[in-house]
C-alpha atoms as a PDB file:
ATOM      1  CA  MET A   1      30.133 -16.391 -12.837  1.00  0.00           C
ATOM      2  CA  PRO A   2      28.947 -13.630 -11.515  1.00  0.00           C
ATOM      3  CA  THR A   3      25.369 -13.632  -9.523  1.00  0.00           C
ATOM      4  CA  CYS A   4      22.696 -10.967  -9.763  1.00  0.00           C
ATOM      5  CA  VAL A   5      21.583 -10.451  -5.748  1.00  0.00           C
ATOM      6  CA  ALA A   6      18.609  -8.574  -4.956  1.00  0.00           C
ATOM      7  CA  PRO A   7      19.258  -5.364  -2.955  1.00  0.00           C
ATOM      8  CA  GLN A   8      17.938  -6.144   0.568  1.00  0.00           C
ATOM      9  CA  SER A   9      14.960  -3.618   2.016  1.00  0.00           C
ATOM     10  CA  SER A  10      16.306  -2.252   5.558  1.00  0.00           C
ATOM     11  CA  ARG A  11      12.556  -2.159   6.791  1.00  0.00           C
ATOM     12  CA  ASN A  12      11.305  -5.065   8.279  1.00  0.00           C
ATOM     13  CA  TRP A  13       7.985  -4.678   6.186  1.00  0.00           C
ATOM     14  CA  LEU A  14       6.191  -8.068   8.005  1.00  0.00           C
ATOM     15  CA  GLY A  15       7.173  -6.168  11.695  1.00  0.00           C
ATOM     16  CA  TYR A  16       5.635  -3.127  10.482  1.00  0.00           C
ATOM     17  CA  LEU A  17       2.164  -4.696   8.990  1.00  0.00           C
ATOM     18  CA  CYS A  18       2.070  -6.080  12.467  1.00  0.00           C
ATOM     19  CA  GLU A  19       2.763  -3.193  15.085  1.00  0.00           C
ATOM     20  CA  SER A  20       0.067  -1.331  12.786  1.00  0.00           C
ATOM     21  CA  GLN A  21      -2.646  -3.706  13.358  1.00  0.00           C
ATOM     22  CA  MET A  22      -1.609  -3.987  17.108  1.00  0.00           C
ATOM     23  CA  SER A  23      -1.451   0.258  16.828  1.00  0.00           C
ATOM     24  CA  ASN A  24      -4.929   0.291  15.194  1.00  0.00           C
ATOM     25  CA  GLY A  25      -6.213  -1.950  17.995  1.00  0.00           C
ATOM     26  CA  SER A  26      -7.321  -4.681  15.215  1.00  0.00           C
ATOM     27  CA  MET A  27      -5.227  -7.525  16.447  1.00  0.00           C
ATOM     28  CA  PRO A  28      -2.910  -8.307  19.243  1.00  0.00           C
ATOM     29  CA  SER A  29       0.903  -8.945  18.565  1.00  0.00           C
ATOM     30  CA  TRP A  30       0.239 -12.862  18.353  1.00  0.00           C
ATOM     31  CA  GLU A  31      -2.597 -12.933  16.422  1.00  0.00           C
ATOM     32  CA  ALA A  32      -1.382 -10.023  13.556  1.00  0.00           C
ATOM     33  CA  ALA A  33       2.011 -12.257  13.400  1.00  0.00           C
ATOM     34  CA  ALA A  34       0.064 -15.485  12.604  1.00  0.00           C
ATOM     35  CA  TYR A  35      -2.904 -14.185  10.339  1.00  0.00           C
ATOM     36  CA  PHE A  36       0.302 -12.324   8.267  1.00  0.00           C
ATOM     37  CA  THR A  37       1.984 -15.941   8.245  1.00  0.00           C
ATOM     38  CA  ASP A  38      -0.967 -17.889   7.408  1.00  0.00           C
ATOM     39  CA  ASN A  39      -1.588 -14.935   4.517  1.00  0.00           C
ATOM     40  CA  LEU A  40       1.378 -14.158   2.924  1.00  0.00           C
ATOM     41  CA  PHE A  41       3.849 -17.386   3.085  1.00  0.00           C
ATOM     42  CA  GLY A  42       3.546 -20.868   1.268  1.00  0.00           C
ATOM     43  CA  GLU A  43       2.450 -21.884  -1.885  1.00  0.00           C
ATOM     44  CA  ALA A  44      -0.114 -20.230  -4.594  1.00  0.00           C
ATOM     45  CA  PRO A  45      -3.157 -19.989  -4.264  1.00  0.00           C
ATOM     46  CA  ASN A  46      -3.558 -19.353  -0.676  1.00  0.00           C
ATOM     47  CA  PRO A  47      -6.536 -21.302  -0.155  1.00  0.00           C
ATOM     48  CA  ARG A  48      -7.779 -19.175   2.922  1.00  0.00           C
ATOM     49  CA  LEU A  49      -8.973 -16.558   1.550  1.00  0.00           C
ATOM     50  CA  HIS A  50     -11.624 -18.288  -0.650  1.00  0.00           C
ATOM     51  CA  GLU A  51     -11.979 -21.152   1.816  1.00  0.00           C
ATOM     52  CA  SER A  52     -13.627 -18.294   4.207  1.00  0.00           C
ATOM     53  CA  LYS A  53     -17.815 -17.633   4.838  1.00  0.00           C
ATOM     54  CA  SER A  54     -16.926 -14.406   3.100  1.00  0.00           C
ATOM     55  CA  PRO A  55     -14.294 -14.492   1.107  1.00  0.00           C
ATOM     56  CA  TYR A  56     -15.257 -11.348  -0.723  1.00  0.00           C
ATOM     57  CA  GLU A  57     -14.531  -9.491   2.916  1.00  0.00           C
ATOM     58  CA  SER A  58     -11.676 -11.927   4.006  1.00  0.00           C
ATOM     59  CA  ILE A  59     -10.197 -10.434   0.536  1.00  0.00           C
ATOM     60  CA  SER A  60     -10.360  -7.040   0.980  1.00  0.00           C
ATOM     61  CA  LEU A  61      -9.722  -7.024   4.493  1.00  0.00           C
ATOM     62  CA  PHE A  62      -6.557  -8.712   3.842  1.00  0.00           C
ATOM     63  CA  LEU A  63      -5.385  -6.107   1.376  1.00  0.00           C
ATOM     64  CA  GLN A  64      -6.280  -3.430   3.384  1.00  0.00           C
ATOM     65  CA  ARG A  65      -4.365  -4.824   5.472  1.00  0.00           C
ATOM     66  CA  VAL A  66      -1.429  -4.915   3.502  1.00  0.00           C
ATOM     67  CA  TYR A  67      -1.368  -1.969   1.504  1.00  0.00           C
ATOM     68  CA  ASN A  68      -3.048   0.514   4.415  1.00  0.00           C
ATOM     69  CA  PRO A  69       0.713   0.625   6.182  1.00  0.00           C
ATOM     70  CA  ILE A  70       2.821   0.771   3.711  1.00  0.00           C
ATOM     71  CA  VAL A  71       0.494   3.497   2.407  1.00  0.00           C
ATOM     72  CA  GLU A  72       0.919   5.043   5.797  1.00  0.00           C
ATOM     73  CA  ALA A  73       4.615   4.939   5.959  1.00  0.00           C
ATOM     74  CA  ALA A  74       5.183   6.503   2.849  1.00  0.00           C
ATOM     75  CA  THR A  75       3.371   9.643   4.215  1.00  0.00           C
ATOM     76  CA  ARG A  76       5.475   9.799   6.676  1.00  0.00           C
ATOM     77  CA  ALA A  77       7.999  10.329   4.008  1.00  0.00           C
ATOM     78  CA  VAL A  78       6.728  13.324   2.511  1.00  0.00           C
ATOM     79  CA  ASP A  79       5.892  16.729   3.794  1.00  0.00           C
ATOM     80  CA  LEU A  80       2.143  16.531   2.975  1.00  0.00           C
ATOM     81  CA  PRO A  81      -0.292  20.086   3.331  1.00  0.00           C
ATOM     82  CA  ALA A  82      -2.398  19.821   6.362  1.00  0.00           C
ATOM     83  CA  SER A  83      -5.624  19.736   4.402  1.00  0.00           C
ATOM     84  CA  SER A  84      -4.447  16.997   2.341  1.00  0.00           C
ATOM     85  CA  MET A  85      -5.584  13.115   2.478  1.00  0.00           C
ATOM     86  CA  ILE A  86      -4.662   9.847   1.079  1.00  0.00           C
ATOM     87  CA  HIS A  87      -7.517   6.786   1.042  1.00  0.00           C
ATOM     88  CA  VAL A  88      -7.012   3.505  -0.191  1.00  0.00           C
ATOM     89  CA  PHE A  89      -9.856   1.805  -2.211  1.00  0.00           C
ATOM     90  CA  THR A  90      -9.953  -2.060  -3.119  1.00  0.00           C
ATOM     91  CA  ASP A  91     -12.152  -3.326  -6.391  1.00  0.00           C
ATOM     92  CA  ILE A  92     -12.373  -6.638  -5.220  1.00  0.00           C
ATOM     93  CA  SER A  93     -12.534 -10.062  -7.791  1.00  0.00           C
ATOM     94  CA  LEU A  94     -13.218 -13.436  -6.489  1.00  0.00           C
ATOM     95  CA  ILE A  95     -11.941 -14.893  -9.901  1.00  0.00           C
ATOM     96  CA  GLY A  96      -9.659 -12.484 -11.495  1.00  0.00           C
ATOM     97  CA  ASN A  97      -7.466  -9.665 -10.001  1.00  0.00           C
ATOM     98  CA  SER A  98      -8.416  -6.937  -7.408  1.00  0.00           C
ATOM     99  CA  ALA A  99      -7.411  -3.336  -7.809  1.00  0.00           C
ATOM    100  CA  VAL A 100      -5.644  -1.884  -5.060  1.00  0.00           C
ATOM    101  CA  LEU A 101      -6.364   2.032  -5.485  1.00  0.00           C
ATOM    102  CA  VAL A 102      -4.289   4.788  -3.303  1.00  0.00           C
ATOM    103  CA  VAL A 103      -5.953   8.316  -4.011  1.00  0.00           C
ATOM    104  CA  TYR A 104      -4.219  11.300  -2.880  1.00  0.00           C
ATOM    105  CA  PHE A 105      -6.738  13.796  -2.141  1.00  0.00           C
ATOM    106  CA  PRO A 106      -4.693  17.140  -1.940  1.00  0.00           C
ATOM    107  CA  GLY A 107      -7.914  19.198  -0.503  1.00  0.00           C
ATOM    108  CA  GLU A 108      -9.134  22.982  -1.620  1.00  0.00           C
ATOM    109  CA  ASN A 109     -11.397  21.289  -4.226  1.00  0.00           C
ATOM    110  CA  ARG A 110      -8.307  20.586  -6.249  1.00  0.00           C
ATOM    111  CA  PRO A 111      -8.622  17.277  -8.284  1.00  0.00           C
ATOM    112  CA  HIS A 112      -7.644  14.042  -6.535  1.00  0.00           C
ATOM    113  CA  GLN A 113      -4.454  11.968  -7.807  1.00  0.00           C
ATOM    114  CA  LEU A 114      -4.053   8.421  -8.551  1.00  0.00           C
ATOM    115  CA  LEU A 115      -0.789   7.227  -6.759  1.00  0.00           C
ATOM    116  CA  LEU A 116      -0.862   3.724  -7.507  1.00  0.00           C
ATOM    117  CA  LEU A 117      -2.894   0.996  -8.821  1.00  0.00           C
ATOM    118  CA  ASP A 118      -2.312  -2.215  -8.248  1.00  0.00           C
ATOM    119  CA  ALA A 119      -3.544  -5.459  -9.378  1.00  0.00           C
ATOM    120  CA  ALA A 120      -3.283  -8.327  -7.111  1.00  0.00           C
ATOM    121  CA  ARG A 121      -5.070 -11.785  -7.053  1.00  0.00           C
ATOM    122  CA  ALA A 122      -5.007 -11.924  -3.491  1.00  0.00           C
ATOM    123  CA  TRP A 123      -5.052 -15.665  -3.398  1.00  0.00           C
ATOM    124  CA  ASP A 124      -1.599 -15.272  -5.224  1.00  0.00           C
ATOM    125  CA  LEU A 125      -0.291 -12.864  -3.024  1.00  0.00           C
ATOM    126  CA  VAL A 126       2.244 -15.225  -1.156  1.00  0.00           C
ATOM    127  CA  PHE A 127       6.172 -15.028  -0.530  1.00  0.00           C
ATOM    128  CA  PRO A 128       8.837 -17.970  -0.364  1.00  0.00           C
ATOM    129  CA  ASP A 129      10.061 -15.598   2.303  1.00  0.00           C
ATOM    130  CA  ALA A 130      10.207 -12.547   4.490  1.00  0.00           C
ATOM    131  CA  ASP A 131      12.966 -11.174   2.077  1.00  0.00           C
ATOM    132  CA  ALA A 132      10.946 -11.486  -1.037  1.00  0.00           C
ATOM    133  CA  PHE A 133       7.716 -10.019   0.950  1.00  0.00           C
ATOM    134  CA  ASN A 134      10.223  -6.957   2.250  1.00  0.00           C
ATOM    135  CA  ALA A 135      11.538  -6.225  -1.661  1.00  0.00           C
ATOM    136  CA  TRP A 136       7.695  -6.620  -2.816  1.00  0.00           C
ATOM    137  CA  ALA A 137       6.658  -4.542  -0.276  1.00  0.00           C
ATOM    138  CA  GLU A 138       9.483  -2.156  -0.305  1.00  0.00           C
ATOM    139  CA  GLU A 139       9.083  -1.460  -4.493  1.00  0.00           C
ATOM    140  CA  ARG A 140       5.189  -0.254  -3.410  1.00  0.00           C
ATOM    141  CA  TYR A 141       6.341   1.537  -1.014  1.00  0.00           C
ATOM    142  CA  ASN A 142       8.521   3.558  -3.100  1.00  0.00           C
ATOM    143  CA  TRP A 143       6.398   3.794  -5.916  1.00  0.00           C
ATOM    144  CA  ILE A 144       4.115   5.873  -3.545  1.00  0.00           C
ATOM    145  CA  ILE A 145       6.694   8.045  -2.459  1.00  0.00           C
ATOM    146  CA  SER A 146       7.364   9.173  -5.624  1.00  0.00           C
ATOM    147  CA  ALA A 147       4.042   9.350  -7.248  1.00  0.00           C
ATOM    148  CA  LEU A 148       3.014  11.573  -3.905  1.00  0.00           C
ATOM    149  CA  GLN A 149       6.340  13.841  -4.266  1.00  0.00           C
ATOM    150  CA  SER A 150       5.461  14.506  -7.679  1.00  0.00           C
ATOM    151  CA  ALA A 151       1.598  15.287  -6.578  1.00  0.00           C
ATOM    152  CA  VAL A 152       2.443  17.744  -3.380  1.00  0.00           C
ATOM    153  CA  ALA A 153       5.033  19.321  -5.736  1.00  0.00           C
ATOM    154  CA  ARG A 154       2.562  20.024  -8.663  1.00  0.00           C
ATOM    155  CA  GLN A 155       0.311  20.981  -5.749  1.00  0.00           C
ATOM    156  CA  MET A 156       2.890  23.731  -4.268  1.00  0.00           C
ATOM    157  CA  ALA A 157       3.983  25.100  -8.046  1.00  0.00           C
ATOM    158  CA  GLU A 158      -0.417  25.495  -9.000  1.00  0.00           C
ATOM    159  CA  PRO A 159      -0.629  29.098  -7.310  1.00  0.00           C
ATOM    160  CA  GLU A 160       2.702  30.163  -8.104  1.00  0.00           C
ATOM    161  CA  ILE A 161       1.505  29.414 -12.052  1.00  0.00           C
ATOM    162  CA  GLU A 162      -2.173  31.249 -11.334  1.00  0.00           C
ATOM    163  CA  ALA A 163      -0.135  34.018  -9.824  1.00  0.00           C
ATOM    164  CA  ALA A 164       2.020  34.473 -12.442  1.00  0.00           C
ATOM    165  CA  THR A 165      -1.079  33.776 -15.308  1.00  0.00           C
ATOM    166  CA  ALA A 166      -3.258  36.446 -13.267  1.00  0.00           C
ATOM    167  CA  SER A 167      -0.441  39.368 -13.346  1.00  0.00           C
ATOM    168  CA  VAL A 168      -0.064  38.880 -17.312  1.00  0.00           C
END
């Protein structure tokens, strides 16, 4: 009987997240490894986020630490205009789904574009192993790249469309 095997991600996202924390000066390597191991692996619910003295801040920081490196990697994969930027917003809920929004700001007073809206219960955002986390992170990475490529292509096509309609 054939079995279905999930495709393996070639990127070690846990290592990438740890490296990101070290690079921006947030944590030394051993602390980043312990933080992500404690908060990403095990059984749901993860009590560490709610048992902290400030659960709102703990959840917000956790989601930013998980999503920001994924978004940063996606922005490196797409050629962005110099005037543009990406921002990750979180709307934290202590009892339900928190929202993570990735927004593209094209600059030059153009409309912002939502690249990703991900609902996550931070305390349920735990994985059985690194492969499961890598697959989850890779999926979001690919979603962001796809949305970002479309947004940039649309932005690049706008001057051509405006020029064509102005000459008519």
